[in-house]
Amino acid sequence: MTTLQEIADAIVMLTRAGAVFRFIFCMVRLSGSEEQAGMYKKRAKNTVIFYILAELAWQLKDLLLSYYK
């Protein structure tokens, strides 16, 4: 069970890091390209929405697991 928890924690950390790096990448590209600004704004917005939903899913999983223990 410990190994499974370590894998789950690693996935959470990778998801968080990936979302942060993706958001930073979109913001850097947004400042450099005016003709593609709309596309990168939408990508940044979608990245934030993904991050919120991913965190919500992990918190819901933890809540359910703690409730049924």
PDB file of N, CA and C in Angstrom:
ATOM      1  N   MET A   1       0.821  -1.191   0.000  1.00  0.00           N
ATOM      2  CA  MET A   1       0.000   0.000   0.000  1.00  0.00           C
ATOM      3  C   MET A   1       0.865   1.255   0.000  1.00  0.00           C
ATOM      4  N   THR A   2       2.019   1.185   0.614  1.00  0.00           N
ATOM      5  CA  THR A   2       2.895   2.347   0.664  1.00  0.00           C
ATOM      6  C   THR A   2       3.378   2.720  -0.733  1.00  0.00           C
ATOM      7  N   THR A   3       3.738   1.722  -1.532  1.00  0.00           N
ATOM      8  CA  THR A   3       4.203   1.982  -2.890  1.00  0.00           C
ATOM      9  C   THR A   3       3.102   2.628  -3.722  1.00  0.00           C
ATOM     10  N   LEU A   4       1.891   2.159  -3.567  1.00  0.00           N
ATOM     11  CA  LEU A   4       0.765   2.730  -4.299  1.00  0.00           C
ATOM     12  C   LEU A   4       0.538   4.188  -3.901  1.00  0.00           C
ATOM     13  N   GLN A   5       0.681   4.485  -2.613  1.00  0.00           N
ATOM     14  CA  GLN A   5       0.532   5.870  -2.151  1.00  0.00           C
ATOM     15  C   GLN A   5       1.654   6.746  -2.691  1.00  0.00           C
ATOM     16  N   GLU A   6       2.868   6.218  -2.759  1.00  0.00           N
ATOM     17  CA  GLU A   6       3.989   6.982  -3.312  1.00  0.00           C
ATOM     18  C   GLU A   6       3.776   7.273  -4.794  1.00  0.00           C
ATOM     19  N   ILE A   7       3.231   6.318  -5.526  1.00  0.00           N
ATOM     20  CA  ILE A   7       2.937   6.527  -6.943  1.00  0.00           C
ATOM     21  C   ILE A   7       1.856   7.592  -7.102  1.00  0.00           C
ATOM     22  N   ALA A   8       0.833   7.537  -6.286  1.00  0.00           N
ATOM     23  CA  ALA A   8      -0.245   8.542  -6.344  1.00  0.00           C
ATOM     24  C   ALA A   8       0.296   9.928  -6.017  1.00  0.00           C
ATOM     25  N   ASP A   9       1.165  10.019  -5.007  1.00  0.00           N
ATOM     26  CA  ASP A   9       1.765  11.312  -4.664  1.00  0.00           C
ATOM     27  C   ASP A   9       2.644  11.842  -5.794  1.00  0.00           C
ATOM     28  N   ALA A  10       3.369  10.941  -6.456  1.00  0.00           N
ATOM     29  CA  ALA A  10       4.215  11.361  -7.579  1.00  0.00           C
ATOM     30  C   ALA A  10       3.364  11.883  -8.733  1.00  0.00           C
ATOM     31  N   ILE A  11       2.241  11.233  -8.995  1.00  0.00           N
ATOM     32  CA  ILE A  11       1.353  11.683 -10.067  1.00  0.00           C
ATOM     33  C   ILE A  11       0.776  13.059  -9.747  1.00  0.00           C
ATOM     34  N   VAL A  12       0.415  13.275  -8.493  1.00  0.00           N
ATOM     35  CA  VAL A  12      -0.114  14.581  -8.086  1.00  0.00           C
ATOM     36  C   VAL A  12       0.944  15.654  -8.281  1.00  0.00           C
ATOM     37  N   MET A  13       2.167  15.382  -7.857  1.00  0.00           N
ATOM     38  CA  MET A  13       3.243  16.367  -7.998  1.00  0.00           C
ATOM     39  C   MET A  13       3.546  16.649  -9.477  1.00  0.00           C
ATOM     40  N   LEU A  14       3.554  15.615 -10.304  1.00  0.00           N
ATOM     41  CA  LEU A  14       3.794  15.811 -11.736  1.00  0.00           C
ATOM     42  C   LEU A  14       2.668  16.611 -12.384  1.00  0.00           C
ATOM     43  N   THR A  15       1.449  16.367 -11.965  1.00  0.00           N
ATOM     44  CA  THR A  15       0.315  17.120 -12.494  1.00  0.00           C
ATOM     45  C   THR A  15       0.424  18.592 -12.122  1.00  0.00           C
ATOM     46  N   ARG A  16       0.768  18.855 -10.876  1.00  0.00           N
ATOM     47  CA  ARG A  16       0.915  20.244 -10.425  1.00  0.00           C
ATOM     48  C   ARG A  16       2.048  20.949 -11.162  1.00  0.00           C
ATOM     49  N   ALA A  17       3.185  20.273 -11.238  1.00  0.00           N
ATOM     50  CA  ALA A  17       4.344  20.879 -11.903  1.00  0.00           C
ATOM     51  C   ALA A  17       4.065  21.099 -13.386  1.00  0.00           C
ATOM     52  N   GLY A  18       3.436  20.135 -14.031  1.00  0.00           N
ATOM     53  CA  GLY A  18       3.117  20.268 -15.447  1.00  0.00           C
ATOM     54  C   GLY A  18       2.164  21.418 -15.715  1.00  0.00           C
ATOM     55  N   ALA A  19       1.162  21.586 -14.857  1.00  0.00           N
ATOM     56  CA  ALA A  19       0.210  22.686 -15.041  1.00  0.00           C
ATOM     57  C   ALA A  19       0.891  24.038 -14.840  1.00  0.00           C
ATOM     58  N   VAL A  20       1.751  24.125 -13.849  1.00  0.00           N
ATOM     59  CA  VAL A  20       2.450  25.385 -13.602  1.00  0.00           C
ATOM     60  C   VAL A  20       3.376  25.726 -14.764  1.00  0.00           C
ATOM     61  N   PHE A  21       4.132  24.747 -15.240  1.00  0.00           N
ATOM     62  CA  PHE A  21       5.039  24.998 -16.359  1.00  0.00           C
ATOM     63  C   PHE A  21       4.279  25.322 -17.643  1.00  0.00           C
ATOM     64  N   ARG A  22       3.159  24.675 -17.860  1.00  0.00           N
ATOM     65  CA  ARG A  22       2.340  24.963 -19.039  1.00  0.00           C
ATOM     66  C   ARG A  22       1.787  26.388 -18.979  1.00  0.00           C
ATOM     67  N   PHE A  23       1.339  26.820 -17.793  1.00  0.00           N
ATOM     68  CA  PHE A  23       0.827  28.170 -17.633  1.00  0.00           C
ATOM     69  C   PHE A  23       1.935  29.192 -17.871  1.00  0.00           C
ATOM     70  N   ILE A  24       3.113  28.950 -17.317  1.00  0.00           N
ATOM     71  CA  ILE A  24       4.245  29.865 -17.521  1.00  0.00           C
ATOM     72  C   ILE A  24       4.622  29.921 -18.996  1.00  0.00           C
ATOM     73  N   PHE A  25       4.640  28.768 -19.658  1.00  0.00           N
ATOM     74  CA  PHE A  25       4.947  28.726 -21.086  1.00  0.00           C
ATOM     75  C   PHE A  25       3.945  29.556 -21.887  1.00  0.00           C
ATOM     76  N   CYS A  26       2.666  29.412 -21.580  1.00  0.00           N
ATOM     77  CA  CYS A  26       1.640  30.176 -22.293  1.00  0.00           C
ATOM     78  C   CYS A  26       1.790  31.673 -22.050  1.00  0.00           C
ATOM     79  N   MET A  27       2.131  32.058 -20.829  1.00  0.00           N
ATOM     80  CA  MET A  27       2.305  33.477 -20.533  1.00  0.00           C
ATOM     81  C   MET A  27       3.533  34.049 -21.254  1.00  0.00           C
ATOM     82  N   VAL A  28       4.594  33.274 -21.344  1.00  0.00           N
ATOM     83  CA  VAL A  28       5.788  33.736 -22.067  1.00  0.00           C
ATOM     84  C   VAL A  28       5.477  33.877 -23.553  1.00  0.00           C
ATOM     85  N   ARG A  29       4.808  32.887 -24.117  1.00  0.00           N
ATOM     86  CA  ARG A  29       4.449  32.951 -25.538  1.00  0.00           C
ATOM     87  C   ARG A  29       3.436  34.060 -25.803  1.00  0.00           C
ATOM     88  N   LEU A  30       2.584  34.339 -24.842  1.00  0.00           N
ATOM     89  CA  LEU A  30       1.588  35.399 -24.978  1.00  0.00           C
ATOM     90  C   LEU A  30       2.267  36.762 -25.069  1.00  0.00           C
ATOM     91  N   SER A  31       3.309  36.958 -24.304  1.00  0.00           N
ATOM     92  CA  SER A  31       3.998  38.246 -24.325  1.00  0.00           C
ATOM     93  C   SER A  31       4.839  38.425 -25.589  1.00  0.00           C
ATOM     94  N   GLY A  32       5.179  37.341 -26.263  1.00  0.00           N
ATOM     95  CA  GLY A  32       6.038  37.436 -27.436  1.00  0.00           C
ATOM     96  C   GLY A  32       5.306  37.510 -28.762  1.00  0.00           C
ATOM     97  N   SER A  33       4.085  37.050 -28.830  1.00  0.00           N
ATOM     98  CA  SER A  33       3.389  36.957 -30.106  1.00  0.00           C
ATOM     99  C   SER A  33       2.006  37.597 -30.001  1.00  0.00           C
ATOM    100  N   GLU A  34       1.833  38.723 -30.677  1.00  0.00           N
ATOM    101  CA  GLU A  34       0.545  39.417 -30.595  1.00  0.00           C
ATOM    102  C   GLU A  34      -0.515  38.793 -31.504  1.00  0.00           C
ATOM    103  N   GLU A  35      -0.108  38.229 -32.640  1.00  0.00           N
ATOM    104  CA  GLU A  35      -1.116  37.670 -33.537  1.00  0.00           C
ATOM    105  C   GLU A  35      -1.680  36.346 -33.027  1.00  0.00           C
ATOM    106  N   GLN A  36      -0.961  35.674 -32.134  1.00  0.00           N
ATOM    107  CA  GLN A  36      -1.456  34.421 -31.563  1.00  0.00           C
ATOM    108  C   GLN A  36      -1.867  34.598 -30.102  1.00  0.00           C
ATOM    109  N   ALA A  37      -2.100  35.822 -29.691  1.00  0.00           N
ATOM    110  CA  ALA A  37      -2.421  36.110 -28.290  1.00  0.00           C
ATOM    111  C   ALA A  37      -3.709  35.416 -27.850  1.00  0.00           C
ATOM    112  N   GLY A  38      -4.715  35.419 -28.679  1.00  0.00           N
ATOM    113  CA  GLY A  38      -5.985  34.793 -28.324  1.00  0.00           C
ATOM    114  C   GLY A  38      -5.848  33.305 -28.069  1.00  0.00           C
ATOM    115  N   MET A  39      -5.046  32.660 -28.903  1.00  0.00           N
ATOM    116  CA  MET A  39      -4.847  31.223 -28.745  1.00  0.00           C
ATOM    117  C   MET A  39      -4.147  30.907 -27.423  1.00  0.00           C
ATOM    118  N   TYR A  40      -3.118  31.678 -27.084  1.00  0.00           N
ATOM    119  CA  TYR A  40      -2.384  31.401 -25.858  1.00  0.00           C
ATOM    120  C   TYR A  40      -3.173  31.802 -24.618  1.00  0.00           C
ATOM    121  N   LYS A  41      -4.036  32.803 -24.719  1.00  0.00           N
ATOM    122  CA  LYS A  41      -4.925  33.136 -23.607  1.00  0.00           C
ATOM    123  C   LYS A  41      -5.873  31.979 -23.331  1.00  0.00           C
ATOM    124  N   LYS A  42      -6.410  31.405 -24.404  1.00  0.00           N
ATOM    125  CA  LYS A  42      -7.328  30.283 -24.246  1.00  0.00           C
ATOM    126  C   LYS A  42      -6.610  29.066 -23.679  1.00  0.00           C
ATOM    127  N   ARG A  43      -5.394  28.819 -24.134  1.00  0.00           N
ATOM    128  CA  ARG A  43      -4.626  27.698 -23.604  1.00  0.00           C
ATOM    129  C   ARG A  43      -4.299  27.901 -22.127  1.00  0.00           C
ATOM    130  N   ALA A  44      -3.951  29.118 -21.746  1.00  0.00           N
ATOM    131  CA  ALA A  44      -3.660  29.410 -20.339  1.00  0.00           C
ATOM    132  C   ALA A  44      -4.913  29.220 -19.489  1.00  0.00           C
ATOM    133  N   LYS A  45      -6.050  29.680 -19.999  1.00  0.00           N
ATOM    134  CA  LYS A  45      -7.318  29.516 -19.280  1.00  0.00           C
ATOM    135  C   LYS A  45      -7.657  28.040 -19.125  1.00  0.00           C
ATOM    136  N   ASN A  46      -7.471  27.261 -20.191  1.00  0.00           N
ATOM    137  CA  ASN A  46      -7.740  25.825 -20.120  1.00  0.00           C
ATOM    138  C   ASN A  46      -6.793  25.123 -19.158  1.00  0.00           C
ATOM    139  N   THR A  47      -5.557  25.598 -19.059  1.00  0.00           N
ATOM    140  CA  THR A  47      -4.604  25.022 -18.123  1.00  0.00           C
ATOM    141  C   THR A  47      -5.052  25.265 -16.684  1.00  0.00           C
ATOM    142  N   VAL A  48      -5.539  26.460 -16.404  1.00  0.00           N
ATOM    143  CA  VAL A  48      -6.028  26.770 -15.060  1.00  0.00           C
ATOM    144  C   VAL A  48      -7.254  25.921 -14.732  1.00  0.00           C
ATOM    145  N   ILE A  49      -8.144  25.764 -15.686  1.00  0.00           N
ATOM    146  CA  ILE A  49      -9.333  24.933 -15.470  1.00  0.00           C
ATOM    147  C   ILE A  49      -8.929  23.478 -15.224  1.00  0.00           C
ATOM    148  N   PHE A  50      -7.977  22.968 -16.000  1.00  0.00           N
ATOM    149  CA  PHE A  50      -7.485  21.611 -15.793  1.00  0.00           C
ATOM    150  C   PHE A  50      -6.904  21.452 -14.398  1.00  0.00           C
ATOM    151  N   TYR A  51      -6.097  22.423 -13.965  1.00  0.00           N
ATOM    152  CA  TYR A  51      -5.474  22.349 -12.645  1.00  0.00           C
ATOM    153  C   TYR A  51      -6.526  22.315 -11.540  1.00  0.00           C
ATOM    154  N   ILE A  52      -7.532  23.153 -11.656  1.00  0.00           N
ATOM    155  CA  ILE A  52      -8.591  23.185 -10.645  1.00  0.00           C
ATOM    156  C   ILE A  52      -9.341  21.857 -10.608  1.00  0.00           C
ATOM    157  N   LEU A  53      -9.677  21.312 -11.770  1.00  0.00           N
ATOM    158  CA  LEU A  53     -10.392  20.036 -11.811  1.00  0.00           C
ATOM    159  C   LEU A  53      -9.531  18.881 -11.294  1.00  0.00           C
ATOM    160  N   ALA A  54      -8.241  18.905 -11.605  1.00  0.00           N
ATOM    161  CA  ALA A  54      -7.346  17.849 -11.125  1.00  0.00           C
ATOM    162  C   ALA A  54      -7.228  17.902  -9.602  1.00  0.00           C
ATOM    163  N   GLU A  55      -7.071  19.096  -9.051  1.00  0.00           N
ATOM    164  CA  GLU A  55      -6.994  19.236  -7.587  1.00  0.00           C
ATOM    165  C   GLU A  55      -8.311  18.817  -6.941  1.00  0.00           C
ATOM    166  N   LEU A  56      -9.413  19.184  -7.566  1.00  0.00           N
ATOM    167  CA  LEU A  56     -10.721  18.802  -7.039  1.00  0.00           C
ATOM    168  C   LEU A  56     -10.871  17.288  -7.016  1.00  0.00           C
ATOM    169  N   ALA A  57     -10.425  16.627  -8.068  1.00  0.00           N
ATOM    170  CA  ALA A  57     -10.526  15.167  -8.130  1.00  0.00           C
ATOM    171  C   ALA A  57      -9.688  14.516  -7.034  1.00  0.00           C
ATOM    172  N   TRP A  58      -8.464  15.003  -6.828  1.00  0.00           N
ATOM    173  CA  TRP A  58      -7.610  14.406  -5.788  1.00  0.00           C
ATOM    174  C   TRP A  58      -8.170  14.672  -4.399  1.00  0.00           C
ATOM    175  N   GLN A  59      -8.704  15.862  -4.165  1.00  0.00           N
ATOM    176  CA  GLN A  59      -9.278  16.162  -2.856  1.00  0.00           C
ATOM    177  C   GLN A  59     -10.529  15.334  -2.605  1.00  0.00           C
ATOM    178  N   LEU A  60     -11.320  15.136  -3.629  1.00  0.00           N
ATOM    179  CA  LEU A  60     -12.518  14.310  -3.504  1.00  0.00           C
ATOM    180  C   LEU A  60     -12.139  12.867  -3.215  1.00  0.00           C
ATOM    181  N   LYS A  61     -11.107  12.367  -3.887  1.00  0.00           N
ATOM    182  CA  LYS A  61     -10.628  11.008  -3.627  1.00  0.00           C
ATOM    183  C   LYS A  61     -10.173  10.868  -2.189  1.00  0.00           C
ATOM    184  N   ASP A  62      -9.391  11.824  -1.702  1.00  0.00           N
ATOM    185  CA  ASP A  62      -8.914  11.770  -0.306  1.00  0.00           C
ATOM    186  C   ASP A  62     -10.078  11.846   0.676  1.00  0.00           C
ATOM    187  N   LEU A  63     -11.058  12.674   0.371  1.00  0.00           N
ATOM    188  CA  LEU A  63     -12.218  12.805   1.233  1.00  0.00           C
ATOM    189  C   LEU A  63     -12.994  11.488   1.297  1.00  0.00           C
ATOM    190  N   LEU A  64     -13.218  10.876   0.173  1.00  0.00           N
ATOM    191  CA  LEU A  64     -13.949   9.606   0.139  1.00  0.00           C
ATOM    192  C   LEU A  64     -13.175   8.496   0.839  1.00  0.00           C
ATOM    193  N   LEU A  65     -11.866   8.447   0.618  1.00  0.00           N
ATOM    194  CA  LEU A  65     -11.070   7.413   1.283  1.00  0.00           C
ATOM    195  C   LEU A  65     -11.053   7.599   2.792  1.00  0.00           C
ATOM    196  N   SER A  66     -10.973   8.838   3.255  1.00  0.00           N
ATOM    197  CA  SER A  66     -10.978   9.072   4.709  1.00  0.00           C
ATOM    198  C   SER A  66     -12.357   8.790   5.305  1.00  0.00           C
ATOM    199  N   TYR A  67     -13.409   9.008   4.538  1.00  0.00           N
ATOM    200  CA  TYR A  67     -14.759   8.751   5.034  1.00  0.00           C
ATOM    201  C   TYR A  67     -15.020   7.261   5.207  1.00  0.00           C
ATOM    202  N   TYR A  68     -14.534   6.452   4.272  1.00  0.00           N
ATOM    203  CA  TYR A  68     -14.819   5.018   4.302  1.00  0.00           C
ATOM    204  C   TYR A  68     -13.767   4.196   5.027  1.00  0.00           C
ATOM    205  N   LYS A  69     -12.800   4.830   5.661  1.00  0.00           N
ATOM    206  CA  LYS A  69     -11.815   4.061   6.458  1.00  0.00           C
ATOM    207  C   LYS A  69     -12.336   3.730   7.802  1.00  0.00           C
TER     208      LYS A  69
END
